[in-house]
Amino acid sequence: MNSTSQELSVTEKVGYSLGDLSANLIFQTLVTFLAFFYTDVFRIPAGTAAAIIFTVGMLGAFVFTPIIGLIADRTHTRWGKFRPWVLWTAIPFGALSLLAFSTPALGERGKVTYALATYSLLVLVYVANNLPYSALSGVLTGSMAQRNSLSSYRFVAVMVAQFIIQVLLLPLVLILGHGDKALGFHNTMTLFAIVGTVFFLITFLTTKERIVPSAEQSSSVRVDLVDLMRNRPWQIMLAVTVLVFINLALKGGMYIYYFKYYLSETQLSAFLDHVGFNGVIAGLNKLLVDIGLTEFSWPKDAPTSAFSLFNGLGIIFMIVGIGFSKRLADRFGKRDVFRGALLASTLFLLAFYVFPPGAIGLVVVSYIFHGFFYGITIPLLWAMIADVADYSEWKNHRRATAIIFSAMLCGLKFGLSVGSALVAGILAFYGYVADALTESPGVVHGIRLTVSLLCSIPFLLAVVLLFLYEIGKPMELHIEQELSARRLSVDAGA
């Protein structure tokens, strides 16, 4: 096995991170807006939308992901195991992203069939792209400190994509669709497809696989699966991944309804005036008109504007949290930092239950603190999964990076599917009516309950599970040192 654990250059870290920015332009759109797109733009009933999202998610988690993982671990090309997958999927990913957010004129049955087909194909290509991409982080370097650094770069890029989606997507939809949401989604996804394809190509060109298993480490699928089942840190991180992504999909998909139907529109408008947001938009538009350009088509209604500002502030403070992540992890270890920060972020999420509809300032401040502490955990999750791959190699003397990441992506897809389906399912259960001026008290209660208590349960369970995770800082260092010595020994004998 190649033993090199070189310090990664800034170019390689940035190049690798652009792949996550590309994927997350689509991923964050799916998490935040797929239920809304299906119910309010494509006009699929909420219950049917929930069934589509859940069914395809299960297909992605338990069919597509394991198959791609097994194939990727056995891929051998002059470019490596994982890099070529980024190249092969770049154009199909962009094309299917566009198709999945198009609205052809079909009857109700035709719409359901179209949504099911395009979403299934998009999830398949997403897995074929993102699983090898994620596994690539485990073979770029053998240094855990460098992986912490790479994860910080990577998830700043994720936060940039999240900012674009959660803050700017709706304005982009209005601008590029000239007020027509269906056309706006189509044109916006066309833009994302072009940008994403270019960035994937940059990722392929700027990265290099350095941790290459020696021929003696080859193993059968059965052996890989047995190793996986005996890997307790993997079991815990799989459960944590499921829980984290249930939370992300559940709260991410429900916030837009929280702003539209629970918070006071009058107070939202007053808040936007008070913090100077409306003044900034007015000043921007005056400047654009004065120089002969068209006004910036920001959403006119207060809930949508406030929702975008809310997301923007949260993402900014997540990025601030990411900035603290590496230093804290290097000092205290990933596990302890992840657990403590996740618990702190949950407390600010729970606070949403007690906020009345007019407490806009408290909602925003609580979300800022939630975002900061959650931001600390963001790079650590995937760095810990790479550590689990090292743990497997250390214990079993065999490396199977992609199958470990594929198992985690199974958990990710399962969590997202459950969380996203719960959004549409909860709305259907309480009797949600799309585009209603007001919703029933039962619907409003369900929305409020979801963004606070229900969203907190997965995070709290994850905190408990992390007390059972054995790879603390001392074990991290021991595994890294022993694997480095083994690789040097193999290279010396080659």
Protein backbone atom coordinates (compact mmCIF):
# COMPACT_ATOMS: atom_id res chain seq x y z
CA MET A 1 0.00 0.00 0.00
CA ASN A 2 1.29 3.44 -0.85
CA SER A 3 2.24 5.06 2.40
CA THR A 4 2.34 8.64 1.42
CA SER A 5 0.35 10.98 3.62
CA GLN A 6 1.43 14.22 2.02
CA GLU A 7 0.14 17.56 3.04
CA LEU A 8 -2.56 18.45 0.54
CA SER A 9 -2.10 21.66 -1.41
CA VAL A 10 -4.66 24.45 -1.26
CA THR A 11 -5.36 23.84 -4.96
CA GLU A 12 -6.24 20.21 -4.31
CA LYS A 13 -8.40 21.05 -1.28
CA VAL A 14 -10.29 23.71 -3.21
CA GLY A 15 -10.59 21.49 -6.29
CA TYR A 16 -11.95 18.63 -4.23
CA SER A 17 -14.37 20.97 -2.45
CA LEU A 18 -15.86 22.20 -5.72
CA GLY A 19 -17.28 18.70 -6.22
CA ASP A 20 -19.29 19.07 -3.03
CA LEU A 21 -20.44 22.53 -4.06
CA SER A 22 -21.71 21.05 -7.33
CA ALA A 23 -23.47 18.09 -5.75
CA ASN A 24 -25.03 20.25 -3.06
CA LEU A 25 -26.58 22.69 -5.48
CA ILE A 26 -28.84 19.72 -6.28
CA PHE A 27 -28.76 17.94 -2.92
CA GLN A 28 -29.80 21.05 -0.96
CA THR A 29 -32.56 21.75 -3.48
CA LEU A 30 -33.90 18.23 -2.98
CA VAL A 31 -33.75 18.49 0.81
CA THR A 32 -35.28 21.94 1.08
CA PHE A 33 -37.61 22.29 -1.90
CA LEU A 34 -38.53 18.90 -3.38
CA ALA A 35 -41.71 18.51 -1.30
CA PHE A 36 -42.61 22.15 -2.02
CA PHE A 37 -41.86 21.72 -5.75
CA TYR A 38 -44.03 18.62 -6.02
CA THR A 39 -46.98 20.01 -4.03
CA ASP A 40 -47.01 23.70 -4.97
CA VAL A 41 -45.35 23.84 -8.41
CA PHE A 42 -45.90 20.47 -10.13
CA ARG A 43 -49.25 20.07 -8.30
CA ILE A 44 -48.86 16.51 -7.04
CA PRO A 45 -51.00 15.75 -3.93
CA ALA A 46 -49.01 15.87 -0.68
CA GLY A 47 -49.64 12.21 0.19
CA THR A 48 -48.52 11.06 -3.25
CA ALA A 49 -45.44 13.29 -3.06
CA ALA A 50 -44.53 11.72 0.28
CA ALA A 51 -44.85 8.23 -1.22
CA ILE A 52 -42.61 9.14 -4.20
CA ILE A 53 -39.93 10.71 -2.01
CA PHE A 54 -39.89 7.79 0.42
CA THR A 55 -39.99 5.03 -2.21
CA VAL A 56 -37.17 6.47 -4.30
CA GLY A 57 -35.17 7.21 -1.17
CA MET A 58 -35.40 3.58 -0.07
CA LEU A 59 -34.38 2.47 -3.55
CA GLY A 60 -31.36 4.76 -3.39
CA ALA A 61 -30.41 3.67 0.11
CA PHE A 62 -30.76 -0.08 -0.13
CA VAL A 63 -30.32 -0.87 -3.84
CA PHE A 64 -28.30 1.81 -5.65
CA THR A 65 -25.84 2.64 -2.86
CA PRO A 66 -24.64 -0.89 -1.94
CA ILE A 67 -24.24 -1.84 -5.61
CA ILE A 68 -22.24 1.27 -6.47
CA GLY A 69 -20.12 0.82 -3.33
CA LEU A 70 -19.16 -2.74 -4.23
CA ILE A 71 -18.39 -1.76 -7.84
CA ALA A 72 -16.36 1.31 -6.85
CA ASP A 73 -14.14 -0.66 -4.47
CA ARG A 74 -13.34 -2.99 -7.38
CA THR A 75 -12.79 -0.27 -9.99
CA HIS A 76 -9.24 -0.14 -11.37
CA THR A 77 -8.26 2.55 -13.85
CA ARG A 78 -5.17 4.63 -14.56
CA TRP A 79 -6.95 7.47 -12.69
CA GLY A 80 -7.61 5.38 -9.57
CA LYS A 81 -10.72 3.83 -8.05
CA PHE A 82 -12.90 6.82 -7.27
CA ARG A 83 -11.82 9.81 -9.38
CA PRO A 84 -13.13 8.37 -12.67
CA TRP A 85 -16.66 8.14 -11.27
CA VAL A 86 -16.68 11.91 -10.79
CA LEU A 87 -15.76 12.29 -14.47
CA TRP A 88 -18.22 9.67 -15.79
CA THR A 89 -21.23 11.09 -13.94
CA ALA A 90 -20.65 14.84 -14.43
CA ILE A 91 -22.86 15.35 -17.50
CA PRO A 92 -25.62 12.81 -16.61
CA PHE A 93 -25.94 14.41 -13.16
CA GLY A 94 -26.55 17.83 -14.68
CA ALA A 95 -29.04 16.56 -17.28
CA LEU A 96 -31.13 14.59 -14.78
CA SER A 97 -31.17 17.49 -12.31
CA LEU A 98 -32.81 19.58 -15.01
CA LEU A 99 -35.35 16.87 -15.91
CA ALA A 100 -36.32 16.23 -12.28
CA PHE A 101 -37.30 19.88 -11.81
CA SER A 102 -39.15 20.27 -15.10
CA THR A 103 -42.95 20.42 -15.28
CA PRO A 104 -44.25 18.85 -18.50
CA ALA A 105 -47.98 19.27 -19.19
CA LEU A 106 -49.27 15.87 -18.07
CA GLY A 107 -52.34 14.50 -16.31
CA GLU A 108 -52.19 13.51 -12.65
CA ARG A 109 -51.07 9.94 -13.40
CA GLY A 110 -48.53 11.17 -15.95
CA LYS A 111 -47.08 13.63 -13.43
CA VAL A 112 -46.65 10.89 -10.85
CA THR A 113 -44.97 8.59 -13.38
CA TYR A 114 -42.69 11.38 -14.58
CA ALA A 115 -41.73 12.42 -11.05
CA LEU A 116 -41.05 8.82 -10.05
CA ALA A 117 -38.89 8.12 -13.12
CA THR A 118 -36.83 11.32 -13.10
CA TYR A 119 -36.27 11.31 -9.34
CA SER A 120 -35.20 7.64 -9.43
CA LEU A 121 -32.68 8.27 -12.20
CA LEU A 122 -31.38 11.39 -10.45
CA VAL A 123 -30.86 9.48 -7.21
CA LEU A 124 -29.04 6.68 -9.09
CA VAL A 125 -26.62 9.10 -10.74
CA TYR A 126 -26.24 11.08 -7.50
CA VAL A 127 -25.14 7.87 -5.74
CA ALA A 128 -22.76 6.96 -8.59
CA ASN A 129 -21.22 10.42 -8.27
CA ASN A 130 -21.31 11.19 -4.57
CA LEU A 131 -20.35 7.83 -3.08
CA PRO A 132 -17.01 7.59 -4.93
CA TYR A 133 -16.52 11.33 -4.36
CA SER A 134 -16.96 10.87 -0.60
CA ALA A 135 -14.72 7.78 -0.55
CA LEU A 136 -12.07 9.80 -2.40
CA SER A 137 -11.50 11.85 0.77
CA GLY A 138 -10.27 8.69 2.50
CA VAL A 139 -7.56 7.98 -0.10
CA LEU A 140 -6.22 11.45 -0.87
CA THR A 141 -4.07 11.34 2.29
CA GLY A 142 -3.36 9.08 5.26
CA SER A 143 -3.08 12.00 7.68
CA MET A 144 -6.08 12.47 9.97
CA ALA A 145 -5.09 16.10 10.57
CA GLN A 146 -5.08 16.71 6.81
CA ARG A 147 -8.50 15.07 6.58
CA ASN A 148 -9.78 17.47 9.24
CA SER A 149 -8.45 20.34 7.13
CA LEU A 150 -9.89 18.89 3.90
CA SER A 151 -13.28 18.44 5.58
CA SER A 152 -13.27 22.09 6.64
CA TYR A 153 -12.61 23.22 3.05
CA ARG A 154 -15.19 20.78 1.76
CA PHE A 155 -17.96 21.87 4.05
CA VAL A 156 -17.37 25.57 3.55
CA ALA A 157 -18.18 24.72 -0.08
CA VAL A 158 -21.27 22.84 1.12
CA MET A 159 -22.36 25.91 3.08
CA VAL A 160 -21.86 28.13 0.03
CA ALA A 161 -24.17 25.81 -1.91
CA GLN A 162 -26.63 25.77 0.96
CA PHE A 163 -26.59 29.58 1.07
CA ILE A 164 -27.29 29.74 -2.66
CA ILE A 165 -30.22 27.32 -2.34
CA GLN A 166 -31.82 28.47 0.88
CA VAL A 167 -31.30 32.20 0.40
CA LEU A 168 -31.12 32.83 -3.33
CA LEU A 169 -33.02 29.98 -5.00
CA LEU A 170 -36.48 31.53 -4.72
CA PRO A 171 -35.27 34.93 -5.99
CA LEU A 172 -33.48 33.12 -8.85
CA VAL A 173 -36.68 31.22 -9.65
CA LEU A 174 -38.59 34.51 -9.84
CA ILE A 175 -35.91 36.29 -11.88
CA LEU A 176 -35.24 33.49 -14.36
CA GLY A 177 -38.90 32.57 -14.66
CA HIS A 178 -40.22 36.15 -14.84
CA GLY A 179 -42.65 35.30 -12.05
CA ASP A 180 -43.52 31.83 -13.39
CA LYS A 181 -42.26 29.35 -10.75
CA ALA A 182 -42.33 26.34 -13.08
CA LEU A 183 -40.25 28.12 -15.73
CA GLY A 184 -38.06 29.59 -13.01
CA PHE A 185 -37.19 26.19 -11.56
CA HIS A 186 -36.41 24.87 -15.05
CA ASN A 187 -34.09 27.77 -15.91
CA THR A 188 -32.43 27.78 -12.49
CA MET A 189 -31.67 24.07 -12.68
CA THR A 190 -30.24 24.59 -16.17
CA LEU A 191 -27.79 27.09 -14.69
CA PHE A 192 -26.91 24.73 -11.83
CA ALA A 193 -26.39 21.85 -14.29
CA ILE A 194 -23.86 23.83 -16.33
CA VAL A 195 -21.94 25.13 -13.30
CA GLY A 196 -22.01 21.72 -11.61
CA THR A 197 -20.65 19.87 -14.63
CA VAL A 198 -17.69 22.28 -14.92
CA PHE A 199 -16.91 22.00 -11.20
CA PHE A 200 -16.99 18.18 -11.27
CA LEU A 201 -14.43 18.26 -14.08
CA ILE A 202 -12.20 20.54 -12.01
CA THR A 203 -12.46 18.10 -9.08
CA PHE A 204 -11.35 15.25 -11.33
CA LEU A 205 -8.41 17.21 -12.73
CA THR A 206 -7.03 18.59 -9.44
CA THR A 207 -7.10 15.53 -7.15
CA LYS A 208 -4.86 12.48 -6.79
CA GLU A 209 -5.42 9.15 -5.03
CA ARG A 210 -2.45 8.35 -2.76
CA ILE A 211 -3.68 5.57 -0.47
CA VAL A 212 -3.69 2.59 -2.83
CA PRO A 213 -4.35 -0.89 -1.37
CA SER A 214 -1.66 -3.45 -2.17
CA ALA A 215 -2.59 -6.57 -4.11
CA GLU A 216 -2.46 -8.70 -0.95
CA GLN A 217 -5.34 -6.71 0.52
CA SER A 218 -7.87 -7.74 -2.11
CA SER A 219 -10.91 -9.49 -0.64
CA SER A 220 -14.25 -10.91 -1.62
CA VAL A 221 -17.60 -9.18 -1.22
CA ARG A 222 -18.49 -11.65 1.54
CA VAL A 223 -15.32 -10.82 3.49
CA ASP A 224 -15.93 -7.08 3.10
CA LEU A 225 -19.48 -7.45 4.43
CA VAL A 226 -18.37 -9.61 7.36
CA ASP A 227 -15.72 -7.00 8.27
CA LEU A 228 -18.38 -4.32 8.10
CA MET A 229 -20.80 -6.16 10.37
CA ARG A 230 -18.10 -6.60 13.02
CA ASN A 231 -17.08 -2.94 12.94
CA ARG A 232 -18.78 -1.36 15.96
CA PRO A 233 -17.67 2.24 15.22
CA TRP A 234 -19.21 1.80 11.77
CA GLN A 235 -22.49 0.62 13.31
CA ILE A 236 -22.62 3.66 15.58
CA MET A 237 -21.70 6.14 12.84
CA LEU A 238 -24.29 4.58 10.54
CA ALA A 239 -27.01 5.17 13.12
CA VAL A 240 -25.73 8.70 13.80
CA THR A 241 -25.75 9.47 10.05
CA VAL A 242 -29.35 8.27 9.73
CA LEU A 243 -30.45 10.41 12.67
CA VAL A 244 -28.60 13.54 11.55
CA PHE A 245 -30.09 13.43 8.06
CA ILE A 246 -33.61 12.72 9.33
CA ASN A 247 -33.25 15.98 11.25
CA LEU A 248 -31.83 17.92 8.30
CA ALA A 249 -34.55 16.84 5.89
CA LEU A 250 -37.35 17.26 8.41
CA LYS A 251 -36.47 20.76 9.57
CA GLY A 252 -35.16 21.87 6.17
CA GLY A 253 -38.36 20.89 4.40
CA MET A 254 -40.70 22.27 7.07
CA TYR A 255 -39.16 25.72 7.68
CA ILE A 256 -40.76 27.26 4.59
CA TYR A 257 -44.19 26.26 5.92
CA TYR A 258 -43.25 27.54 9.41
CA PHE A 259 -42.59 31.00 8.01
CA LYS A 260 -45.60 30.98 5.72
CA TYR A 261 -48.23 29.73 8.17
CA TYR A 262 -47.01 30.00 11.79
CA LEU A 263 -45.04 33.21 12.17
CA SER A 264 -46.93 36.51 12.06
CA GLU A 265 -46.68 38.13 8.63
CA THR A 266 -47.11 41.58 10.20
CA GLN A 267 -44.28 40.98 12.64
CA LEU A 268 -42.09 39.50 9.90
CA SER A 269 -42.59 42.64 7.82
CA ALA A 270 -41.82 44.87 10.81
CA PHE A 271 -38.69 42.83 11.56
CA LEU A 272 -37.43 43.20 7.99
CA ASP A 273 -37.93 46.97 8.24
CA HIS A 274 -36.32 47.15 11.68
CA VAL A 275 -33.12 45.32 10.69
CA GLY A 276 -32.82 47.36 7.47
CA PHE A 277 -33.35 44.42 5.12
CA ASN A 278 -36.09 46.12 3.07
CA GLY A 279 -33.97 49.24 2.87
CA VAL A 280 -31.02 47.27 1.47
CA ILE A 281 -33.20 45.69 -1.22
CA ALA A 282 -34.74 49.06 -2.10
CA GLY A 283 -31.30 50.67 -2.30
CA LEU A 284 -30.01 47.84 -4.47
CA ASN A 285 -32.94 48.19 -6.87
CA LYS A 286 -32.51 51.98 -7.07
CA LEU A 287 -28.84 51.48 -7.95
CA LEU A 288 -29.68 48.91 -10.63
CA VAL A 289 -32.36 51.15 -12.17
CA ASP A 290 -30.09 54.21 -12.06
CA ILE A 291 -27.44 52.40 -14.12
CA GLY A 292 -30.02 51.16 -16.61
CA LEU A 293 -30.51 47.58 -15.36
CA THR A 294 -33.62 45.67 -14.26
CA GLU A 295 -34.66 45.53 -10.63
CA PHE A 296 -33.58 42.56 -8.52
CA SER A 297 -36.73 40.43 -8.26
CA TRP A 298 -36.64 39.62 -4.57
CA PRO A 299 -39.83 37.95 -3.25
CA LYS A 300 -42.31 40.65 -2.26
CA ASP A 301 -44.08 38.78 0.55
CA ALA A 302 -42.61 39.09 4.04
CA PRO A 303 -42.58 35.33 4.91
CA THR A 304 -40.47 34.42 1.86
CA SER A 305 -38.07 37.33 2.37
CA ALA A 306 -37.72 36.57 6.08
CA PHE A 307 -37.23 32.86 5.32
CA SER A 308 -34.35 33.69 2.98
CA LEU A 309 -32.76 36.06 5.52
CA PHE A 310 -33.22 33.45 8.26
CA ASN A 311 -31.47 30.79 6.19
CA GLY A 312 -28.72 33.17 5.15
CA LEU A 313 -27.85 34.12 8.72
CA GLY A 314 -27.95 30.50 9.82
CA ILE A 315 -25.59 29.44 7.03
CA ILE A 316 -23.17 32.30 7.73
CA PHE A 317 -22.89 31.17 11.35
CA MET A 318 -22.57 27.52 10.28
CA ILE A 319 -19.54 28.61 8.26
CA VAL A 320 -18.19 30.38 11.36
CA GLY A 321 -18.73 27.13 13.29
CA ILE A 322 -16.88 25.16 10.60
CA GLY A 323 -13.96 27.54 11.10
CA PHE A 324 -13.65 26.37 14.72
CA SER A 325 -14.08 22.69 13.89
CA LYS A 326 -10.54 21.69 12.94
CA ARG A 327 -8.86 23.42 15.87
CA LEU A 328 -11.30 21.92 18.36
CA ALA A 329 -11.03 18.45 16.81
CA ASP A 330 -7.21 18.57 16.77
CA ARG A 331 -7.20 19.48 20.46
CA PHE A 332 -10.04 17.39 21.92
CA GLY A 333 -10.73 14.73 19.28
CA LYS A 334 -13.55 14.51 16.76
CA ARG A 335 -15.91 12.39 18.86
CA ASP A 336 -16.02 14.64 21.92
CA VAL A 337 -16.34 17.85 19.91
CA PHE A 338 -19.06 16.36 17.69
CA ARG A 339 -21.08 15.16 20.67
CA GLY A 340 -20.86 18.40 22.66
CA ALA A 341 -21.61 20.69 19.72
CA LEU A 342 -24.54 18.55 18.58
CA LEU A 343 -26.09 18.70 22.04
CA ALA A 344 -25.69 22.49 22.21
CA SER A 345 -27.26 22.93 18.77
CA THR A 346 -30.23 20.80 19.82
CA LEU A 347 -31.01 22.99 22.82
CA PHE A 348 -31.48 26.00 20.54
CA LEU A 349 -33.66 23.91 18.25
CA LEU A 350 -35.90 22.88 21.15
CA ALA A 351 -36.44 26.54 21.97
CA PHE A 352 -38.56 26.93 18.81
CA TYR A 353 -41.45 25.22 20.60
CA VAL A 354 -41.92 28.07 23.09
CA PHE A 355 -41.63 30.99 20.66
CA PRO A 356 -44.95 32.74 19.92
CA PRO A 357 -45.76 33.78 16.32
CA GLY A 358 -44.55 37.34 16.88
CA ALA A 359 -41.15 36.55 18.44
CA ILE A 360 -39.24 36.94 15.19
CA GLY A 361 -36.04 38.21 16.78
CA LEU A 362 -35.86 35.24 19.17
CA VAL A 363 -36.47 32.81 16.30
CA VAL A 364 -33.59 34.31 14.31
CA VAL A 365 -31.17 34.50 17.27
CA SER A 366 -31.94 30.92 18.30
CA TYR A 367 -31.34 29.72 14.76
CA ILE A 368 -28.04 31.61 14.59
CA PHE A 369 -26.76 29.80 17.70
CA HIS A 370 -28.16 26.50 16.45
CA GLY A 371 -26.33 27.05 13.16
CA PHE A 372 -23.04 27.93 14.85
CA PHE A 373 -22.92 24.80 17.01
CA TYR A 374 -24.20 22.54 14.24
CA GLY A 375 -21.56 24.04 11.92
CA ILE A 376 -18.84 22.69 14.21
CA THR A 377 -20.14 19.15 13.63
CA ILE A 378 -20.46 19.36 9.83
CA PRO A 379 -16.86 18.55 8.80
CA LEU A 380 -16.47 16.01 11.60
CA LEU A 381 -19.11 13.55 10.42
CA TRP A 382 -17.32 12.65 7.18
CA ALA A 383 -13.86 12.86 8.74
CA MET A 384 -15.07 10.35 11.36
CA ILE A 385 -16.37 8.05 8.61
CA ALA A 386 -12.89 8.13 7.00
CA ASP A 387 -11.51 7.24 10.44
CA VAL A 388 -13.89 4.27 10.56
CA ALA A 389 -12.34 3.06 7.27
CA ASP A 390 -8.90 3.37 8.89
CA TYR A 391 -10.18 1.49 11.94
CA SER A 392 -11.36 -1.34 9.68
CA GLU A 393 -7.97 -1.51 7.94
CA TRP A 394 -6.14 -1.37 11.29
CA LYS A 395 -8.23 -4.18 12.76
CA ASN A 396 -8.66 -6.45 9.71
CA HIS A 397 -5.52 -5.66 7.65
CA ARG A 398 -7.80 -5.00 4.66
CA ARG A 399 -9.04 -1.67 3.32
CA ALA A 400 -12.54 -1.31 1.84
CA THR A 401 -13.10 2.43 1.68
CA ALA A 402 -16.03 2.59 -0.73
CA ILE A 403 -18.15 -0.06 0.98
CA ILE A 404 -17.84 1.81 4.28
CA PHE A 405 -18.80 5.09 2.64
CA SER A 406 -21.56 3.35 0.69
CA ALA A 407 -23.00 2.01 3.93
CA MET A 408 -22.94 5.52 5.37
CA LEU A 409 -24.60 6.88 2.25
CA CYS A 410 -27.26 4.19 2.67
CA GLY A 411 -27.87 5.73 6.06
CA LEU A 412 -27.81 9.22 4.60
CA LYS A 413 -30.36 8.32 1.91
CA PHE A 414 -32.52 6.49 4.42
CA GLY A 415 -32.44 9.45 6.79
CA LEU A 416 -33.19 11.94 4.04
CA SER A 417 -36.01 9.80 2.69
CA VAL A 418 -37.60 9.37 6.09
CA GLY A 419 -37.21 13.07 6.92
CA SER A 420 -38.42 14.34 3.53
CA ALA A 421 -41.33 11.91 3.45
CA LEU A 422 -42.25 12.96 6.99
CA VAL A 423 -42.54 16.57 5.82
CA ALA A 424 -45.15 15.71 3.20
CA GLY A 425 -46.66 12.99 5.41
CA ILE A 426 -47.11 15.26 8.43
CA LEU A 427 -48.68 17.94 6.24
CA ALA A 428 -51.07 15.36 4.73
CA PHE A 429 -51.90 13.96 8.18
CA TYR A 430 -52.90 17.36 9.52
CA GLY A 431 -54.88 18.25 6.36
CA TYR A 432 -52.58 20.71 4.59
CA VAL A 433 -54.11 22.49 1.57
CA ALA A 434 -51.55 23.79 -0.97
CA ASP A 435 -51.52 27.57 -1.52
CA ALA A 436 -54.28 28.19 1.05
CA LEU A 437 -54.23 31.74 2.43
CA THR A 438 -54.49 30.30 5.94
CA GLU A 439 -54.21 26.76 7.28
CA SER A 440 -56.24 25.10 10.04
CA PRO A 441 -54.98 25.28 13.65
CA GLY A 442 -54.16 21.57 13.43
CA VAL A 443 -51.85 22.11 10.45
CA VAL A 444 -50.16 25.06 12.15
CA HIS A 445 -49.66 23.02 15.33
CA GLY A 446 -48.12 20.18 13.32
CA ILE A 447 -45.69 22.58 11.63
CA ARG A 448 -44.65 24.12 14.96
CA LEU A 449 -44.26 20.72 16.61
CA THR A 450 -42.13 19.44 13.75
CA VAL A 451 -39.55 22.26 13.66
CA SER A 452 -38.91 22.00 17.39
CA LEU A 453 -39.66 18.81 19.34
CA LEU A 454 -39.81 16.30 16.49
CA CYS A 455 -36.63 17.65 14.86
CA SER A 456 -34.76 17.49 18.18
CA ILE A 457 -35.39 13.80 18.84
CA PRO A 458 -32.94 12.49 16.17
CA PHE A 459 -30.14 14.79 17.38
CA LEU A 460 -30.62 13.78 21.02
CA LEU A 461 -30.51 10.09 20.10
CA ALA A 462 -27.30 10.70 18.13
CA VAL A 463 -25.70 12.36 21.18
CA VAL A 464 -26.51 9.29 23.28
CA LEU A 465 -25.05 6.92 20.66
CA LEU A 466 -21.78 8.85 20.51
CA PHE A 467 -21.10 7.85 24.13
CA LEU A 468 -20.64 4.31 22.74
CA TYR A 469 -18.24 5.36 19.94
CA GLU A 470 -14.74 4.22 20.92
CA ILE A 471 -12.52 6.19 18.51
CA GLY A 472 -11.55 9.07 20.77
CA LYS A 473 -8.42 11.18 20.33
CA PRO A 474 -5.94 8.65 21.83
CA MET A 475 -7.21 5.87 19.55
CA GLU A 476 -7.17 8.21 16.53
CA LEU A 477 -3.45 8.84 17.05
CA HIS A 478 -2.67 5.18 17.72
CA ILE A 479 -4.43 3.98 14.55
CA GLU A 480 -2.78 6.64 12.39
CA GLN A 481 0.71 5.84 13.69
CA GLU A 482 0.32 2.06 13.34
CA LEU A 483 -1.13 2.25 9.82
CA SER A 484 1.65 4.62 8.77
CA ALA A 485 4.23 2.16 10.04
CA ARG A 486 2.57 -0.73 8.19
CA ARG A 487 2.49 1.20 4.91
CA LEU A 488 6.15 2.16 5.25
CA SER A 489 6.98 -1.48 5.84
CA VAL A 490 5.08 -2.56 2.73
CA ASP A 491 6.77 0.13 0.62
CA ALA A 492 10.22 -0.86 1.95
CA GLY A 493 9.61 -4.46 1.00
CA ALA A 494 8.24 -3.64 -2.47
